[in-house]
């Protein structure tokens, strides 16, 4: 609970609400670990705050914000292949999914 107060004080010092501040961080494309580092709290606190405010971290693909694994499941892709492509070629999550979709369409 102390982390919630720390984030609330940080938002008030920025003349914004906690929800608006978290929304801005999520819209910048930051993951939970990056948000935690920026706010100076733990990943668990960030997870709790995002859930409390109805927000999700992840990537936006086809107008849907969700995790890479959930996008892969929705599109019928193997998430291990997507993560391997991302790592091997230094791509973003969305780019790796698009590459995997392109490989699938050539078959």
N, C-alpha and C. Protein backbone atom coordinates (compact mmCIF):
# COMPACT_ATOMS: atom_id res chain seq x y z
N UNK A 1 0.81 -1.19 0.00
CA UNK A 1 0.00 0.00 0.00
C UNK A 1 0.86 1.26 0.00
N UNK A 2 2.04 1.17 0.60
CA UNK A 2 2.92 2.33 0.64
C UNK A 2 3.31 2.77 -0.76
N UNK A 3 3.48 1.80 -1.68
CA UNK A 3 3.84 2.15 -3.05
C UNK A 3 2.73 2.92 -3.74
N UNK A 4 1.48 2.58 -3.41
CA UNK A 4 0.35 3.31 -3.98
C UNK A 4 0.41 4.77 -3.57
N UNK A 5 0.75 5.03 -2.31
CA UNK A 5 0.86 6.41 -1.84
C UNK A 5 2.03 7.13 -2.49
N UNK A 6 3.12 6.41 -2.71
CA UNK A 6 4.28 7.02 -3.37
C UNK A 6 3.93 7.44 -4.79
N UNK A 7 3.22 6.59 -5.50
CA UNK A 7 2.81 6.90 -6.87
C UNK A 7 1.80 8.04 -6.86
N UNK A 8 0.89 8.03 -5.89
CA UNK A 8 -0.11 9.10 -5.80
C UNK A 8 0.57 10.45 -5.54
N UNK A 9 1.57 10.47 -4.65
CA UNK A 9 2.30 11.72 -4.39
C UNK A 9 3.05 12.18 -5.63
N UNK A 10 3.64 11.23 -6.36
CA UNK A 10 4.36 11.57 -7.58
C UNK A 10 3.40 12.17 -8.61
N UNK A 11 2.21 11.59 -8.73
CA UNK A 11 1.22 12.12 -9.67
C UNK A 11 0.76 13.52 -9.26
N UNK A 12 0.54 13.72 -7.95
CA UNK A 12 0.10 15.03 -7.48
C UNK A 12 1.17 16.09 -7.69
N UNK A 13 2.43 15.69 -7.54
CA UNK A 13 3.50 16.66 -7.78
C UNK A 13 3.61 17.02 -9.26
N UNK A 14 3.14 16.12 -10.12
CA UNK A 14 3.12 16.38 -11.56
C UNK A 14 1.82 17.06 -12.00
N UNK A 15 0.95 17.37 -11.03
CA UNK A 15 -0.34 18.00 -11.29
C UNK A 15 -1.22 17.16 -12.21
N UNK A 16 -1.25 15.85 -11.94
CA UNK A 16 -2.09 14.92 -12.71
C UNK A 16 -2.65 13.88 -11.75
N UNK A 17 -3.49 13.01 -12.26
CA UNK A 17 -4.01 11.92 -11.44
C UNK A 17 -3.17 10.68 -11.65
N UNK A 18 -3.30 9.74 -10.73
CA UNK A 18 -2.57 8.48 -10.85
C UNK A 18 -2.98 7.76 -12.13
N UNK A 19 -4.28 7.75 -12.41
CA UNK A 19 -4.78 7.07 -13.61
C UNK A 19 -4.19 7.68 -14.88
N UNK A 20 -4.18 9.00 -14.97
CA UNK A 20 -3.64 9.67 -16.16
C UNK A 20 -2.15 9.41 -16.31
N UNK A 21 -1.44 9.40 -15.18
CA UNK A 21 0.00 9.16 -15.24
C UNK A 21 0.28 7.73 -15.72
N UNK A 22 -0.45 6.76 -15.18
CA UNK A 22 -0.28 5.37 -15.60
C UNK A 22 -0.68 5.18 -17.06
N UNK A 23 -1.75 5.83 -17.47
CA UNK A 23 -2.19 5.74 -18.87
C UNK A 23 -1.11 6.28 -19.80
N UNK A 24 -0.49 7.38 -19.43
CA UNK A 24 0.58 7.95 -20.24
C UNK A 24 1.77 7.01 -20.36
N UNK A 25 2.12 6.34 -19.27
CA UNK A 25 3.25 5.40 -19.30
C UNK A 25 2.92 4.18 -20.17
N UNK A 26 1.70 3.68 -20.06
CA UNK A 26 1.29 2.53 -20.87
C UNK A 26 1.25 2.92 -22.34
N UNK A 27 0.73 4.10 -22.64
CA UNK A 27 0.64 4.56 -24.04
C UNK A 27 2.01 4.80 -24.66
N UNK A 28 3.01 5.05 -23.83
CA UNK A 28 4.38 5.18 -24.35
C UNK A 28 4.96 3.83 -24.73
N UNK A 29 4.25 2.76 -24.42
CA UNK A 29 4.70 1.42 -24.79
C UNK A 29 5.63 0.77 -23.78
N UNK A 30 5.65 1.29 -22.56
CA UNK A 30 6.52 0.72 -21.54
C UNK A 30 5.92 -0.56 -20.97
N UNK A 31 6.78 -1.51 -20.61
CA UNK A 31 6.28 -2.70 -19.94
C UNK A 31 6.30 -2.48 -18.44
N UNK A 32 5.82 -3.47 -17.69
CA UNK A 32 5.69 -3.30 -16.24
C UNK A 32 7.03 -3.03 -15.57
N UNK A 33 8.06 -3.69 -16.04
CA UNK A 33 9.38 -3.51 -15.43
C UNK A 33 9.89 -2.08 -15.66
N UNK A 34 9.68 -1.55 -16.85
CA UNK A 34 10.11 -0.19 -17.16
C UNK A 34 9.29 0.85 -16.38
N UNK A 35 8.00 0.59 -16.23
CA UNK A 35 7.15 1.50 -15.45
C UNK A 35 7.59 1.49 -14.00
N UNK A 36 7.89 0.30 -13.46
CA UNK A 36 8.34 0.19 -12.07
C UNK A 36 9.63 0.98 -11.86
N UNK A 37 10.56 0.87 -12.80
CA UNK A 37 11.82 1.60 -12.68
C UNK A 37 11.60 3.11 -12.73
N UNK A 38 10.70 3.54 -13.60
CA UNK A 38 10.45 4.98 -13.74
C UNK A 38 9.75 5.55 -12.50
N UNK A 39 8.87 4.76 -11.91
CA UNK A 39 8.14 5.24 -10.73
C UNK A 39 8.87 4.98 -9.43
N UNK A 40 9.86 4.08 -9.46
CA UNK A 40 10.60 3.76 -8.25
C UNK A 40 9.84 2.83 -7.31
N UNK A 41 9.04 1.93 -7.88
CA UNK A 41 8.29 0.95 -7.09
C UNK A 41 8.57 -0.44 -7.64
N UNK A 42 8.01 -1.46 -7.00
CA UNK A 42 8.23 -2.83 -7.46
C UNK A 42 7.29 -3.17 -8.61
N UNK A 43 7.63 -4.25 -9.33
CA UNK A 43 6.78 -4.71 -10.43
C UNK A 43 5.42 -5.16 -9.91
N UNK A 44 5.40 -5.75 -8.72
CA UNK A 44 4.13 -6.17 -8.13
C UNK A 44 3.22 -4.99 -7.86
N UNK A 45 3.80 -3.88 -7.39
CA UNK A 45 3.00 -2.68 -7.15
C UNK A 45 2.45 -2.13 -8.45
N UNK A 46 3.25 -2.16 -9.50
CA UNK A 46 2.78 -1.68 -10.80
C UNK A 46 1.66 -2.56 -11.31
N UNK A 47 1.81 -3.87 -11.17
CA UNK A 47 0.78 -4.81 -11.59
C UNK A 47 -0.54 -4.53 -10.86
N UNK A 48 -0.45 -4.32 -9.55
CA UNK A 48 -1.63 -4.03 -8.75
C UNK A 48 -2.26 -2.71 -9.17
N UNK A 49 -1.46 -1.69 -9.39
CA UNK A 49 -1.99 -0.38 -9.80
C UNK A 49 -2.65 -0.44 -11.17
N UNK A 50 -2.02 -1.14 -12.12
CA UNK A 50 -2.60 -1.25 -13.46
C UNK A 50 -3.93 -1.98 -13.40
N UNK A 51 -3.98 -3.06 -12.64
CA UNK A 51 -5.22 -3.83 -12.51
C UNK A 51 -6.31 -2.97 -11.85
N UNK A 52 -5.93 -2.23 -10.82
CA UNK A 52 -6.89 -1.38 -10.10
C UNK A 52 -7.47 -0.29 -11.02
N UNK A 53 -6.65 0.21 -11.94
CA UNK A 53 -7.10 1.28 -12.83
C UNK A 53 -7.61 0.75 -14.17
N UNK A 54 -7.68 -0.57 -14.31
CA UNK A 54 -8.23 -1.16 -15.53
C UNK A 54 -7.36 -0.99 -16.75
N UNK A 55 -6.04 -0.97 -16.55
CA UNK A 55 -5.10 -0.77 -17.66
C UNK A 55 -4.32 -2.05 -17.91
N UNK A 56 -3.79 -2.20 -19.14
CA UNK A 56 -2.97 -3.34 -19.51
C UNK A 56 -1.71 -2.84 -20.19
N UNK A 57 -0.60 -3.47 -19.86
CA UNK A 57 0.62 -3.24 -20.62
C UNK A 57 0.60 -4.19 -21.80
N UNK A 58 1.38 -3.93 -22.78
CA UNK A 58 1.46 -4.81 -23.93
C UNK A 58 1.59 -3.99 -25.19
N UNK A 59 1.43 -4.69 -26.29
CA UNK A 59 1.55 -4.03 -27.59
C UNK A 59 0.18 -3.89 -28.21
N UNK A 60 0.05 -2.92 -29.09
CA UNK A 60 -1.21 -2.72 -29.81
C UNK A 60 -1.04 -3.31 -31.20
N UNK A 61 -1.90 -4.27 -31.50
CA UNK A 61 -1.88 -4.92 -32.80
C UNK A 61 -3.33 -5.08 -33.23
N UNK A 62 -3.66 -4.63 -34.41
CA UNK A 62 -5.04 -4.66 -34.92
C UNK A 62 -5.99 -3.92 -33.98
N UNK A 63 -5.50 -2.87 -33.34
CA UNK A 63 -6.33 -2.08 -32.45
C UNK A 63 -6.59 -2.70 -31.09
N UNK A 64 -5.89 -3.79 -30.77
CA UNK A 64 -6.08 -4.48 -29.49
C UNK A 64 -4.78 -4.42 -28.70
N UNK A 65 -4.86 -3.92 -27.45
CA UNK A 65 -3.68 -3.90 -26.59
C UNK A 65 -3.68 -5.15 -25.73
N UNK A 66 -2.64 -5.97 -25.89
CA UNK A 66 -2.52 -7.19 -25.11
C UNK A 66 -1.08 -7.66 -25.13
N UNK A 67 -0.82 -8.74 -24.42
CA UNK A 67 0.54 -9.28 -24.37
C UNK A 67 0.87 -9.99 -25.67
N UNK A 68 2.16 -10.22 -25.88
CA UNK A 68 2.61 -10.92 -27.09
C UNK A 68 2.02 -12.31 -27.13
N UNK A 69 2.03 -13.01 -25.99
CA UNK A 69 1.50 -14.37 -25.95
C UNK A 69 0.02 -14.41 -26.32
N UNK A 70 -0.75 -13.46 -25.84
CA UNK A 70 -2.17 -13.44 -26.15
C UNK A 70 -2.41 -13.12 -27.62
N UNK A 71 -1.63 -12.21 -28.18
CA UNK A 71 -1.74 -11.93 -29.62
C UNK A 71 -1.40 -13.19 -30.42
N UNK A 72 -0.35 -13.89 -30.03
CA UNK A 72 0.05 -15.11 -30.75
C UNK A 72 -1.06 -16.15 -30.68
N UNK A 73 -1.66 -16.33 -29.51
CA UNK A 73 -2.75 -17.29 -29.36
C UNK A 73 -3.94 -16.89 -30.24
N UNK A 74 -4.23 -15.59 -30.28
CA UNK A 74 -5.36 -15.10 -31.08
C UNK A 74 -5.12 -15.32 -32.57
N UNK A 75 -3.86 -15.16 -33.00
CA UNK A 75 -3.53 -15.27 -34.42
C UNK A 75 -3.10 -16.67 -34.83
N UNK A 76 -3.01 -17.59 -33.87
CA UNK A 76 -2.62 -18.96 -34.18
C UNK A 76 -1.13 -19.12 -34.43
N UNK A 77 -0.32 -18.29 -33.77
CA UNK A 77 1.13 -18.34 -33.93
C UNK A 77 1.78 -19.00 -32.73
N UNK A 78 2.97 -19.52 -32.93
CA UNK A 78 3.76 -20.08 -31.83
C UNK A 78 4.53 -18.92 -31.18
N UNK A 79 4.25 -18.66 -29.90
CA UNK A 79 4.91 -17.52 -29.27
C UNK A 79 6.41 -17.73 -29.11
N UNK A 80 6.87 -18.98 -29.04
CA UNK A 80 8.31 -19.24 -28.95
C UNK A 80 9.01 -18.81 -30.23
N UNK A 81 8.36 -19.04 -31.37
CA UNK A 81 8.94 -18.61 -32.65
C UNK A 81 9.02 -17.09 -32.72
N UNK A 82 7.98 -16.43 -32.24
CA UNK A 82 7.96 -14.96 -32.26
C UNK A 82 9.07 -14.41 -31.36
N UNK A 83 9.22 -14.96 -30.16
CA UNK A 83 10.27 -14.49 -29.26
C UNK A 83 11.67 -14.77 -29.83
N UNK A 84 11.82 -15.91 -30.52
CA UNK A 84 13.11 -16.23 -31.12
C UNK A 84 13.44 -15.25 -32.25
N UNK A 85 12.46 -14.95 -33.10
CA UNK A 85 12.66 -13.98 -34.18
C UNK A 85 13.01 -12.62 -33.61
N UNK A 86 12.30 -12.22 -32.56
CA UNK A 86 12.56 -10.92 -31.92
C UNK A 86 13.99 -10.85 -31.42
N UNK A 87 14.44 -11.89 -30.75
CA UNK A 87 15.79 -11.92 -30.19
C UNK A 87 16.86 -11.99 -31.28
N UNK A 88 16.66 -12.88 -32.25
CA UNK A 88 17.67 -13.09 -33.29
C UNK A 88 17.90 -11.87 -34.18
N UNK A 89 16.82 -11.15 -34.48
CA UNK A 89 16.94 -10.04 -35.42
C UNK A 89 16.81 -8.67 -34.77
N UNK A 90 16.64 -8.62 -33.45
CA UNK A 90 16.55 -7.35 -32.75
C UNK A 90 15.32 -6.54 -33.11
N UNK A 91 14.20 -7.21 -33.29
CA UNK A 91 12.96 -6.55 -33.69
C UNK A 91 12.11 -6.21 -32.47
N UNK A 92 11.13 -5.37 -32.68
CA UNK A 92 10.15 -5.12 -31.63
C UNK A 92 9.17 -6.29 -31.60
N UNK A 93 8.33 -6.33 -30.59
CA UNK A 93 7.34 -7.40 -30.48
C UNK A 93 6.40 -7.41 -31.68
N UNK A 94 5.89 -6.25 -32.03
CA UNK A 94 4.94 -6.16 -33.14
C UNK A 94 5.60 -6.56 -34.47
N UNK A 95 6.85 -6.14 -34.67
CA UNK A 95 7.56 -6.50 -35.90
C UNK A 95 7.77 -8.00 -35.98
N UNK A 96 8.11 -8.63 -34.86
CA UNK A 96 8.34 -10.07 -34.84
C UNK A 96 7.05 -10.83 -35.15
N UNK A 97 5.94 -10.36 -34.64
CA UNK A 97 4.65 -11.00 -34.94
C UNK A 97 4.34 -10.86 -36.43
N UNK A 98 4.60 -9.69 -37.00
CA UNK A 98 4.33 -9.48 -38.42
C UNK A 98 5.22 -10.37 -39.30
N UNK A 99 6.48 -10.57 -38.89
CA UNK A 99 7.38 -11.46 -39.63
C UNK A 99 6.85 -12.89 -39.58
N UNK A 100 6.44 -13.32 -38.40
CA UNK A 100 5.90 -14.68 -38.26
C UNK A 100 4.61 -14.85 -39.08
N UNK A 101 3.77 -13.83 -39.10
CA UNK A 101 2.57 -13.88 -39.93
C UNK A 101 2.93 -13.95 -41.42
N UNK A 102 3.98 -13.22 -41.82
CA UNK A 102 4.43 -13.26 -43.21
C UNK A 102 4.97 -14.62 -43.58
N UNK A 103 5.69 -15.27 -42.68
CA UNK A 103 6.18 -16.63 -42.95
C UNK A 103 5.03 -17.59 -43.12
N UNK A 104 4.00 -17.40 -42.34
CA UNK A 104 2.84 -18.29 -42.39
C UNK A 104 2.09 -18.12 -43.70
N UNK A 105 1.98 -16.89 -44.21
CA UNK A 105 1.23 -16.65 -45.43
C UNK A 105 1.95 -17.15 -46.68
N UNK A 106 3.28 -17.35 -46.60
CA UNK A 106 4.03 -17.85 -47.75
C UNK A 106 3.90 -19.34 -47.92
N UNK A 107 3.49 -20.03 -46.86
CA UNK A 107 3.40 -21.51 -46.94
C UNK A 107 2.24 -21.95 -47.77
